[in-house]
Amino acid sequence: GSGTYRVRVHARGRDTAPDGAVDGG
């Protein structure tokens, strides 16, 4: 329910196509 939570965000590849667009999906 409502309240405060902790999230842990993991990321990789953010430098692969910076400012670009990725087709597909």
mmCIF file of all heavy atoms, coordinates in Angstrom:
data_MODEL
# 
_entry.id   MODEL 
# 
loop_
_atom_site.group_PDB 
_atom_site.id 
_atom_site.type_symbol 
_atom_site.label_atom_id 
_atom_site.label_alt_id 
_atom_site.label_comp_id 
_atom_site.label_asym_id 
_atom_site.label_entity_id 
_atom_site.label_seq_id 
_atom_site.pdbx_PDB_ins_code 
_atom_site.Cartn_x 
_atom_site.Cartn_y 
_atom_site.Cartn_z 
_atom_site.occupancy 
_atom_site.B_iso_or_equiv 
_atom_site.pdbx_formal_charge 
_atom_site.auth_seq_id 
_atom_site.auth_comp_id 
_atom_site.auth_asym_id 
_atom_site.auth_atom_id 
_atom_site.pdbx_PDB_model_num 
ATOM 1   N N   . GLY A 1 1  ? 0.807  -1.213 0.000   1.00 0.00 ? 1  GLY A N   1 
ATOM 2   C CA  . GLY A 1 1  ? 0.000  0.000  0.000   1.00 0.00 ? 1  GLY A CA  1 
ATOM 3   C C   . GLY A 1 1  ? 0.841  1.264  0.000   1.00 0.00 ? 1  GLY A C   1 
ATOM 4   O O   . GLY A 1 1  ? 2.038  1.239  -0.270  1.00 0.00 ? 1  GLY A O   1 
ATOM 5   N N   . SER A 1 2  ? 0.201  2.379  0.301   1.00 0.00 ? 2  SER A N   1 
ATOM 6   C CA  . SER A 1 2  ? 0.901  3.666  0.244   1.00 0.00 ? 2  SER A CA  1 
ATOM 7   C C   . SER A 1 2  ? 1.947  3.761  1.344   1.00 0.00 ? 2  SER A C   1 
ATOM 8   O O   . SER A 1 2  ? 1.872  3.092  2.367   1.00 0.00 ? 2  SER A O   1 
ATOM 9   C CB  . SER A 1 2  ? -0.096 4.819  0.352   1.00 0.00 ? 2  SER A CB  1 
ATOM 10  O OG  . SER A 1 2  ? -0.781 4.737  1.577   1.00 0.00 ? 2  SER A OG  1 
ATOM 11  N N   . GLY A 1 3  ? 2.949  4.604  1.092   1.00 0.00 ? 3  GLY A N   1 
ATOM 12  C CA  . GLY A 1 3  ? 4.022  4.793  2.051   1.00 0.00 ? 3  GLY A CA  1 
ATOM 13  C C   . GLY A 1 3  ? 5.345  5.001  1.348   1.00 0.00 ? 3  GLY A C   1 
ATOM 14  O O   . GLY A 1 3  ? 5.399  5.292  0.154   1.00 0.00 ? 3  GLY A O   1 
ATOM 15  N N   . THR A 1 4  ? 6.427  4.838  2.080   1.00 0.00 ? 4  THR A N   1 
ATOM 16  C CA  . THR A 1 4  ? 7.771  5.019  1.549   1.00 0.00 ? 4  THR A CA  1 
ATOM 17  C C   . THR A 1 4  ? 8.399  3.657  1.295   1.00 0.00 ? 4  THR A C   1 
ATOM 18  O O   . THR A 1 4  ? 8.305  2.756  2.123   1.00 0.00 ? 4  THR A O   1 
ATOM 19  C CB  . THR A 1 4  ? 8.640  5.827  2.535   1.00 0.00 ? 4  THR A CB  1 
ATOM 20  O OG1 . THR A 1 4  ? 8.005  7.089  2.756   1.00 0.00 ? 4  THR A OG1 1 
ATOM 21  C CG2 . THR A 1 4  ? 10.033 6.057  1.981   1.00 0.00 ? 4  THR A CG2 1 
ATOM 22  N N   . TYR A 1 5  ? 9.037  3.517  0.151   1.00 0.00 ? 5  TYR A N   1 
ATOM 23  C CA  . TYR A 1 5  ? 9.687  2.278  -0.264  1.00 0.00 ? 5  TYR A CA  1 
ATOM 24  C C   . TYR A 1 5  ? 11.108 2.583  -0.708  1.00 0.00 ? 5  TYR A C   1 
ATOM 25  O O   . TYR A 1 5  ? 11.443 3.719  -1.006  1.00 0.00 ? 5  TYR A O   1 
ATOM 26  C CB  . TYR A 1 5  ? 8.936  1.648  -1.453  1.00 0.00 ? 5  TYR A CB  1 
ATOM 27  C CG  . TYR A 1 5  ? 7.599  1.073  -1.104  1.00 0.00 ? 5  TYR A CG  1 
ATOM 28  C CD1 . TYR A 1 5  ? 6.476  1.871  -0.967  1.00 0.00 ? 5  TYR A CD1 1 
ATOM 29  C CD2 . TYR A 1 5  ? 7.449  -0.299 -0.927  1.00 0.00 ? 5  TYR A CD2 1 
ATOM 30  C CE1 . TYR A 1 5  ? 5.240  1.335  -0.654  1.00 0.00 ? 5  TYR A CE1 1 
ATOM 31  C CE2 . TYR A 1 5  ? 6.222  -0.849 -0.621  1.00 0.00 ? 5  TYR A CE2 1 
ATOM 32  C CZ  . TYR A 1 5  ? 5.114  -0.028 -0.484  1.00 0.00 ? 5  TYR A CZ  1 
ATOM 33  O OH  . TYR A 1 5  ? 3.893  -0.567 -0.167  1.00 0.00 ? 5  TYR A OH  1 
ATOM 34  N N   . ARG A 1 6  ? 11.926 1.541  -0.788  1.00 0.00 ? 6  ARG A N   1 
ATOM 35  C CA  . ARG A 1 6  ? 13.259 1.645  -1.384  1.00 0.00 ? 6  ARG A CA  1 
ATOM 36  C C   . ARG A 1 6  ? 13.212 0.904  -2.711  1.00 0.00 ? 6  ARG A C   1 
ATOM 37  O O   . ARG A 1 6  ? 12.683 -0.196 -2.799  1.00 0.00 ? 6  ARG A O   1 
ATOM 38  C CB  . ARG A 1 6  ? 14.314 0.987  -0.501  1.00 0.00 ? 6  ARG A CB  1 
ATOM 39  C CG  . ARG A 1 6  ? 14.630 1.721  0.766   1.00 0.00 ? 6  ARG A CG  1 
ATOM 40  C CD  . ARG A 1 6  ? 15.299 3.036  0.579   1.00 0.00 ? 6  ARG A CD  1 
ATOM 41  N NE  . ARG A 1 6  ? 16.702 2.905  0.221   1.00 0.00 ? 6  ARG A NE  1 
ATOM 42  C CZ  . ARG A 1 6  ? 17.475 3.910  -0.074  1.00 0.00 ? 6  ARG A CZ  1 
ATOM 43  N NH1 . ARG A 1 6  ? 17.004 5.134  -0.074  1.00 0.00 ? 6  ARG A NH1 1 
ATOM 44  N NH2 . ARG A 1 6  ? 18.727 3.730  -0.375  1.00 0.00 ? 6  ARG A NH2 1 
ATOM 45  N N   . VAL A 1 7  ? 13.760 1.532  -3.736  1.00 0.00 ? 7  VAL A N   1 
ATOM 46  C CA  . VAL A 1 7  ? 13.945 0.852  -5.017  1.00 0.00 ? 7  VAL A CA  1 
ATOM 47  C C   . VAL A 1 7  ? 15.437 0.819  -5.307  1.00 0.00 ? 7  VAL A C   1 
ATOM 48  O O   . VAL A 1 7  ? 16.175 1.724  -4.946  1.00 0.00 ? 7  VAL A O   1 
ATOM 49  C CB  . VAL A 1 7  ? 13.184 1.529  -6.185  1.00 0.00 ? 7  VAL A CB  1 
ATOM 50  C CG1 . VAL A 1 7  ? 11.692 1.475  -5.975  1.00 0.00 ? 7  VAL A CG1 1 
ATOM 51  C CG2 . VAL A 1 7  ? 13.638 2.943  -6.423  1.00 0.00 ? 7  VAL A CG2 1 
ATOM 52  N N   . ARG A 1 8  ? 15.855 -0.246 -5.918  1.00 0.00 ? 8  ARG A N   1 
ATOM 53  C CA  . ARG A 1 8  ? 17.244 -0.363 -6.367  1.00 0.00 ? 8  ARG A CA  1 
ATOM 54  C C   . ARG A 1 8  ? 17.169 -0.465 -7.886  1.00 0.00 ? 8  ARG A C   1 
ATOM 55  O O   . ARG A 1 8  ? 16.599 -1.404 -8.424  1.00 0.00 ? 8  ARG A O   1 
ATOM 56  C CB  . ARG A 1 8  ? 17.905 -1.599 -5.771  1.00 0.00 ? 8  ARG A CB  1 
ATOM 57  C CG  . ARG A 1 8  ? 19.369 -1.742 -6.203  1.00 0.00 ? 8  ARG A CG  1 
ATOM 58  C CD  . ARG A 1 8  ? 20.065 -2.887 -5.491  1.00 0.00 ? 8  ARG A CD  1 
ATOM 59  N NE  . ARG A 1 8  ? 20.216 -2.540 -4.085  1.00 0.00 ? 8  ARG A NE  1 
ATOM 60  C CZ  . ARG A 1 8  ? 19.991 -3.399 -3.080  1.00 0.00 ? 8  ARG A CZ  1 
ATOM 61  N NH1 . ARG A 1 8  ? 19.610 -4.624 -3.323  1.00 0.00 ? 8  ARG A NH1 1 
ATOM 62  N NH2 . ARG A 1 8  ? 20.165 -3.011 -1.839  1.00 0.00 ? 8  ARG A NH2 1 
ATOM 63  N N   . VAL A 1 9  ? 17.714 0.523  -8.569  1.00 0.00 ? 9  VAL A N   1 
ATOM 64  C CA  . VAL A 1 9  ? 17.689 0.573  -10.023 1.00 0.00 ? 9  VAL A CA  1 
ATOM 65  C C   . VAL A 1 9  ? 19.052 0.117  -10.535 1.00 0.00 ? 9  VAL A C   1 
ATOM 66  O O   . VAL A 1 9  ? 20.078 0.686  -10.168 1.00 0.00 ? 9  VAL A O   1 
ATOM 67  C CB  . VAL A 1 9  ? 17.371 2.002  -10.524 1.00 0.00 ? 9  VAL A CB  1 
ATOM 68  C CG1 . VAL A 1 9  ? 17.360 2.050  -12.039 1.00 0.00 ? 9  VAL A CG1 1 
ATOM 69  C CG2 . VAL A 1 9  ? 16.040 2.480  -9.951  1.00 0.00 ? 9  VAL A CG2 1 
ATOM 70  N N   . HIS A 1 10 ? 19.036 -0.918 -11.383 1.00 0.00 ? 10 HIS A N   1 
ATOM 71  C CA  . HIS A 1 10 ? 20.250 -1.435 -12.031 1.00 0.00 ? 10 HIS A CA  1 
ATOM 72  C C   . HIS A 1 10 ? 20.177 -1.047 -13.504 1.00 0.00 ? 10 HIS A C   1 
ATOM 73  O O   . HIS A 1 10 ? 19.121 -1.167 -14.118 1.00 0.00 ? 10 HIS A O   1 
ATOM 74  C CB  . HIS A 1 10 ? 20.293 -2.963 -11.972 1.00 0.00 ? 10 HIS A CB  1 
ATOM 75  C CG  . HIS A 1 10 ? 20.352 -3.539 -10.603 1.00 0.00 ? 10 HIS A CG  1 
ATOM 76  N ND1 . HIS A 1 10 ? 19.272 -3.572 -9.749  1.00 0.00 ? 10 HIS A ND1 1 
ATOM 77  C CD2 . HIS A 1 10 ? 21.360 -4.136 -9.939  1.00 0.00 ? 10 HIS A CD2 1 
ATOM 78  C CE1 . HIS A 1 10 ? 19.607 -4.159 -8.626  1.00 0.00 ? 10 HIS A CE1 1 
ATOM 79  N NE2 . HIS A 1 10 ? 20.880 -4.511 -8.704  1.00 0.00 ? 10 HIS A NE2 1 
ATOM 80  N N   . ALA A 1 11 ? 21.278 -0.606 -14.067 1.00 0.00 ? 11 ALA A N   1 
ATOM 81  C CA  . ALA A 1 11 ? 21.284 -0.225 -15.482 1.00 0.00 ? 11 ALA A CA  1 
ATOM 82  C C   . ALA A 1 11 ? 22.585 -0.668 -16.132 1.00 0.00 ? 11 ALA A C   1 
ATOM 83  O O   . ALA A 1 11 ? 23.628 -0.735 -15.497 1.00 0.00 ? 11 ALA A O   1 
ATOM 84  C CB  . ALA A 1 11 ? 21.121 1.287  -15.635 1.00 0.00 ? 11 ALA A CB  1 
ATOM 85  N N   . ARG A 1 12 ? 22.465 -0.966 -17.425 1.00 0.00 ? 12 ARG A N   1 
ATOM 86  C CA  . ARG A 1 12 ? 23.661 -1.232 -18.231 1.00 0.00 ? 12 ARG A CA  1 
ATOM 87  C C   . ARG A 1 12 ? 23.369 -0.782 -19.656 1.00 0.00 ? 12 ARG A C   1 
ATOM 88  O O   . ARG A 1 12 ? 22.224 -0.707 -20.083 1.00 0.00 ? 12 ARG A O   1 
ATOM 89  C CB  . ARG A 1 12 ? 24.070 -2.698 -18.181 1.00 0.00 ? 12 ARG A CB  1 
ATOM 90  C CG  . ARG A 1 12 ? 23.105 -3.632 -18.824 1.00 0.00 ? 12 ARG A CG  1 
ATOM 91  C CD  . ARG A 1 12 ? 23.646 -5.071 -18.820 1.00 0.00 ? 12 ARG A CD  1 
ATOM 92  N NE  . ARG A 1 12 ? 22.545 -5.995 -18.973 1.00 0.00 ? 12 ARG A NE  1 
ATOM 93  C CZ  . ARG A 1 12 ? 22.141 -6.844 -18.041 1.00 0.00 ? 12 ARG A CZ  1 
ATOM 94  N NH1 . ARG A 1 12 ? 22.764 -6.917 -16.885 1.00 0.00 ? 12 ARG A NH1 1 
ATOM 95  N NH2 . ARG A 1 12 ? 21.121 -7.633 -18.264 1.00 0.00 ? 12 ARG A NH2 1 
ATOM 96  N N   . GLY A 1 13 ? 24.422 -0.429 -20.369 1.00 0.00 ? 13 GLY A N   1 
ATOM 97  C CA  . GLY A 1 13 ? 24.285 -0.060 -21.777 1.00 0.00 ? 13 GLY A CA  1 
ATOM 98  C C   . GLY A 1 13 ? 23.723 1.324  -22.022 1.00 0.00 ? 13 GLY A C   1 
ATOM 99  O O   . GLY A 1 13 ? 23.313 1.628  -23.140 1.00 0.00 ? 13 GLY A O   1 
ATOM 100 N N   . ARG A 1 14 ? 23.713 2.190  -21.026 1.00 0.00 ? 14 ARG A N   1 
ATOM 101 C CA  . ARG A 1 14 ? 23.151 3.531  -21.258 1.00 0.00 ? 14 ARG A CA  1 
ATOM 102 C C   . ARG A 1 14 ? 24.025 4.363  -22.181 1.00 0.00 ? 14 ARG A C   1 
ATOM 103 O O   . ARG A 1 14 ? 23.573 5.368  -22.723 1.00 0.00 ? 14 ARG A O   1 
ATOM 104 C CB  . ARG A 1 14 ? 22.937 4.270  -19.935 1.00 0.00 ? 14 ARG A CB  1 
ATOM 105 C CG  . ARG A 1 14 ? 21.822 3.650  -19.128 1.00 0.00 ? 14 ARG A CG  1 
ATOM 106 C CD  . ARG A 1 14 ? 21.290 4.490  -17.981 1.00 0.00 ? 14 ARG A CD  1 
ATOM 107 N NE  . ARG A 1 14 ? 22.252 5.285  -17.281 1.00 0.00 ? 14 ARG A NE  1 
ATOM 108 C CZ  . ARG A 1 14 ? 21.989 6.506  -16.813 1.00 0.00 ? 14 ARG A CZ  1 
ATOM 109 N NH1 . ARG A 1 14 ? 20.820 7.074  -17.005 1.00 0.00 ? 14 ARG A NH1 1 
ATOM 110 N NH2 . ARG A 1 14 ? 22.906 7.174  -16.146 1.00 0.00 ? 14 ARG A NH2 1 
ATOM 111 N N   . ASP A 1 15 ? 25.262 3.945  -22.411 1.00 0.00 ? 15 ASP A N   1 
ATOM 112 C CA  . ASP A 1 15 ? 26.148 4.664  -23.334 1.00 0.00 ? 15 ASP A CA  1 
ATOM 113 C C   . ASP A 1 15 ? 26.148 4.052  -24.731 1.00 0.00 ? 15 ASP A C   1 
ATOM 114 O O   . ASP A 1 15 ? 26.844 4.542  -25.620 1.00 0.00 ? 15 ASP A O   1 
ATOM 115 C CB  . ASP A 1 15 ? 27.587 4.668  -22.796 1.00 0.00 ? 15 ASP A CB  1 
ATOM 116 C CG  . ASP A 1 15 ? 27.719 5.464  -21.517 1.00 0.00 ? 15 ASP A CG  1 
ATOM 117 O OD1 . ASP A 1 15 ? 26.928 6.412  -21.323 1.00 0.00 ? 15 ASP A OD1 1 
ATOM 118 O OD2 . ASP A 1 15 ? 28.584 5.128  -20.697 1.00 0.00 ? 15 ASP A OD2 1 
ATOM 119 N N   . THR A 1 16 ? 25.345 3.004  -24.944 1.00 0.00 ? 16 THR A N   1 
ATOM 120 C CA  . THR A 1 16 ? 25.346 2.295  -26.228 1.00 0.00 ? 16 THR A CA  1 
ATOM 121 C C   . THR A 1 16 ? 24.842 3.167  -27.368 1.00 0.00 ? 16 THR A C   1 
ATOM 122 O O   . THR A 1 16 ? 25.447 3.221  -28.425 1.00 0.00 ? 16 THR A O   1 
ATOM 123 C CB  . THR A 1 16 ? 24.503 1.016  -26.128 1.00 0.00 ? 16 THR A CB  1 
ATOM 124 O OG1 . THR A 1 16 ? 25.040 0.206  -25.080 1.00 0.00 ? 16 THR A OG1 1 
ATOM 125 C CG2 . THR A 1 16 ? 24.507 0.243  -27.428 1.00 0.00 ? 16 THR A CG2 1 
ATOM 126 N N   . ALA A 1 17 ? 23.712 3.829  -27.184 1.00 0.00 ? 17 ALA A N   1 
ATOM 127 C CA  . ALA A 1 17 ? 23.143 4.689  -28.231 1.00 0.00 ? 17 ALA A CA  1 
ATOM 128 C C   . ALA A 1 17 ? 22.670 6.000  -27.610 1.00 0.00 ? 17 ALA A C   1 
ATOM 129 O O   . ALA A 1 17 ? 21.498 6.328  -27.666 1.00 0.00 ? 17 ALA A O   1 
ATOM 130 C CB  . ALA A 1 17 ? 21.993 3.976  -28.930 1.00 0.00 ? 17 ALA A CB  1 
ATOM 131 N N   . PRO A 1 18 ? 23.595 6.749  -27.012 1.00 0.00 ? 18 PRO A N   1 
ATOM 132 C CA  . PRO A 1 18 ? 23.153 7.973  -26.337 1.00 0.00 ? 18 PRO A CA  1 
ATOM 133 C C   . PRO A 1 18 ? 22.492 8.937  -27.317 1.00 0.00 ? 18 PRO A C   1 
ATOM 134 O O   . PRO A 1 18 ? 22.975 9.125  -28.425 1.00 0.00 ? 18 PRO A O   1 
ATOM 135 C CB  . PRO A 1 18 ? 24.430 8.563  -25.740 1.00 0.00 ? 18 PRO A CB  1 
ATOM 136 C CG  . PRO A 1 18 ? 25.540 7.937  -26.514 1.00 0.00 ? 18 PRO A CG  1 
ATOM 137 C CD  . PRO A 1 18 ? 25.045 6.604  -26.981 1.00 0.00 ? 18 PRO A CD  1 
ATOM 138 N N   . ASP A 1 19 ? 21.386 9.480  -26.881 1.00 0.00 ? 19 ASP A N   1 
ATOM 139 C CA  . ASP A 1 19 ? 20.603 10.439 -27.661 1.00 0.00 ? 19 ASP A CA  1 
ATOM 140 C C   . ASP A 1 19 ? 20.022 9.867  -28.945 1.00 0.00 ? 19 ASP A C   1 
ATOM 141 O O   . ASP A 1 19 ? 19.442 10.585 -29.737 1.00 0.00 ? 19 ASP A O   1 
ATOM 142 C CB  . ASP A 1 19 ? 21.428 11.691 -27.999 1.00 0.00 ? 19 ASP A CB  1 
ATOM 143 C CG  . ASP A 1 19 ? 21.824 12.442 -26.744 1.00 0.00 ? 19 ASP A CG  1 
ATOM 144 O OD1 . ASP A 1 19 ? 21.047 12.400 -25.770 1.00 0.00 ? 19 ASP A OD1 1 
ATOM 145 O OD2 . ASP A 1 19 ? 22.911 13.051 -26.729 1.00 0.00 ? 19 ASP A OD2 1 
ATOM 146 N N   . GLY A 1 20 ? 20.159 8.571  -29.146 1.00 0.00 ? 20 GLY A N   1 
ATOM 147 C CA  . GLY A 1 20 ? 19.622 7.945  -30.345 1.00 0.00 ? 20 GLY A CA  1 
ATOM 148 C C   . GLY A 1 20 ? 18.267 7.318  -30.087 1.00 0.00 ? 20 GLY A C   1 
ATOM 149 O O   . GLY A 1 20 ? 17.670 7.462  -29.046 1.00 0.00 ? 20 GLY A O   1 
ATOM 150 N N   . ALA A 1 21 ? 17.802 6.633  -31.103 1.00 0.00 ? 21 ALA A N   1 
ATOM 151 C CA  . ALA A 1 21 ? 16.553 5.894  -31.027 1.00 0.00 ? 21 ALA A CA  1 
ATOM 152 C C   . ALA A 1 21 ? 16.834 4.438  -31.353 1.00 0.00 ? 21 ALA A C   1 
ATOM 153 O O   . ALA A 1 21 ? 17.647 4.136  -32.198 1.00 0.00 ? 21 ALA A O   1 
ATOM 154 C CB  . ALA A 1 21 ? 15.528 6.470  -32.000 1.00 0.00 ? 21 ALA A CB  1 
ATOM 155 N N   . VAL A 1 22 ? 16.162 3.557  -30.649 1.00 0.00 ? 22 VAL A N   1 
ATOM 156 C CA  . VAL A 1 22 ? 16.322 2.131  -30.885 1.00 0.00 ? 22 VAL A CA  1 
ATOM 157 C C   . VAL A 1 22 ? 15.022 1.603  -31.453 1.00 0.00 ? 22 VAL A C   1 
ATOM 158 O O   . VAL A 1 22 ? 13.969 1.726  -30.821 1.00 0.00 ? 22 VAL A O   1 
ATOM 159 C CB  . VAL A 1 22 ? 16.694 1.403  -29.579 1.00 0.00 ? 22 VAL A CB  1 
ATOM 160 C CG1 . VAL A 1 22 ? 16.771 -0.092 -29.802 1.00 0.00 ? 22 VAL A CG1 1 
ATOM 161 C CG2 . VAL A 1 22 ? 18.000 1.931  -29.041 1.00 0.00 ? 22 VAL A CG2 1 
ATOM 162 N N   . ASP A 1 23 ? 15.072 1.063  -32.655 1.00 0.00 ? 23 ASP A N   1 
ATOM 163 C CA  . ASP A 1 23 ? 13.878 0.503  -33.286 1.00 0.00 ? 23 ASP A CA  1 
ATOM 164 C C   . ASP A 1 23 ? 13.587 -0.860 -32.706 1.00 0.00 ? 23 ASP A C   1 
ATOM 165 O O   . ASP A 1 23 ? 14.431 -1.485 -32.087 1.00 0.00 ? 23 ASP A O   1 
ATOM 166 C CB  . ASP A 1 23 ? 14.070 0.395  -34.801 1.00 0.00 ? 23 ASP A CB  1 
ATOM 167 C CG  . ASP A 1 23 ? 14.137 1.754  -35.456 1.00 0.00 ? 23 ASP A CG  1 
ATOM 168 O OD1 . ASP A 1 23 ? 13.495 2.688  -34.942 1.00 0.00 ? 23 ASP A OD1 1 
ATOM 169 O OD2 . ASP A 1 23 ? 14.842 1.872  -36.472 1.00 0.00 ? 23 ASP A OD2 1 
ATOM 170 N N   . GLY A 1 24 ? 12.416 -1.353 -32.986 1.00 0.00 ? 24 GLY A N   1 
ATOM 171 C CA  . GLY A 1 24 ? 12.019 -2.663 -32.492 1.00 0.00 ? 24 GLY A CA  1 
ATOM 172 C C   . GLY A 1 24 ? 11.048 -2.516 -31.361 1.00 0.00 ? 24 GLY A C   1 
ATOM 173 O O   . GLY A 1 24 ? 10.791 -1.439 -30.867 1.00 0.00 ? 24 GLY A O   1 
ATOM 174 N N   . GLY A 1 25 ? 10.497 -3.611 -30.946 1.00 0.00 ? 25 GLY A N   1 
ATOM 175 C CA  . GLY A 1 25 ? 9.513  -3.596 -29.872 1.00 0.00 ? 25 GLY A CA  1 
ATOM 176 C C   . GLY A 1 25 ? 8.173  -4.023 -30.393 1.00 0.00 ? 25 GLY A C   1 
ATOM 177 O O   . GLY A 1 25 ? 8.028  -4.424 -31.545 1.00 0.00 ? 25 GLY A O   1 
# 
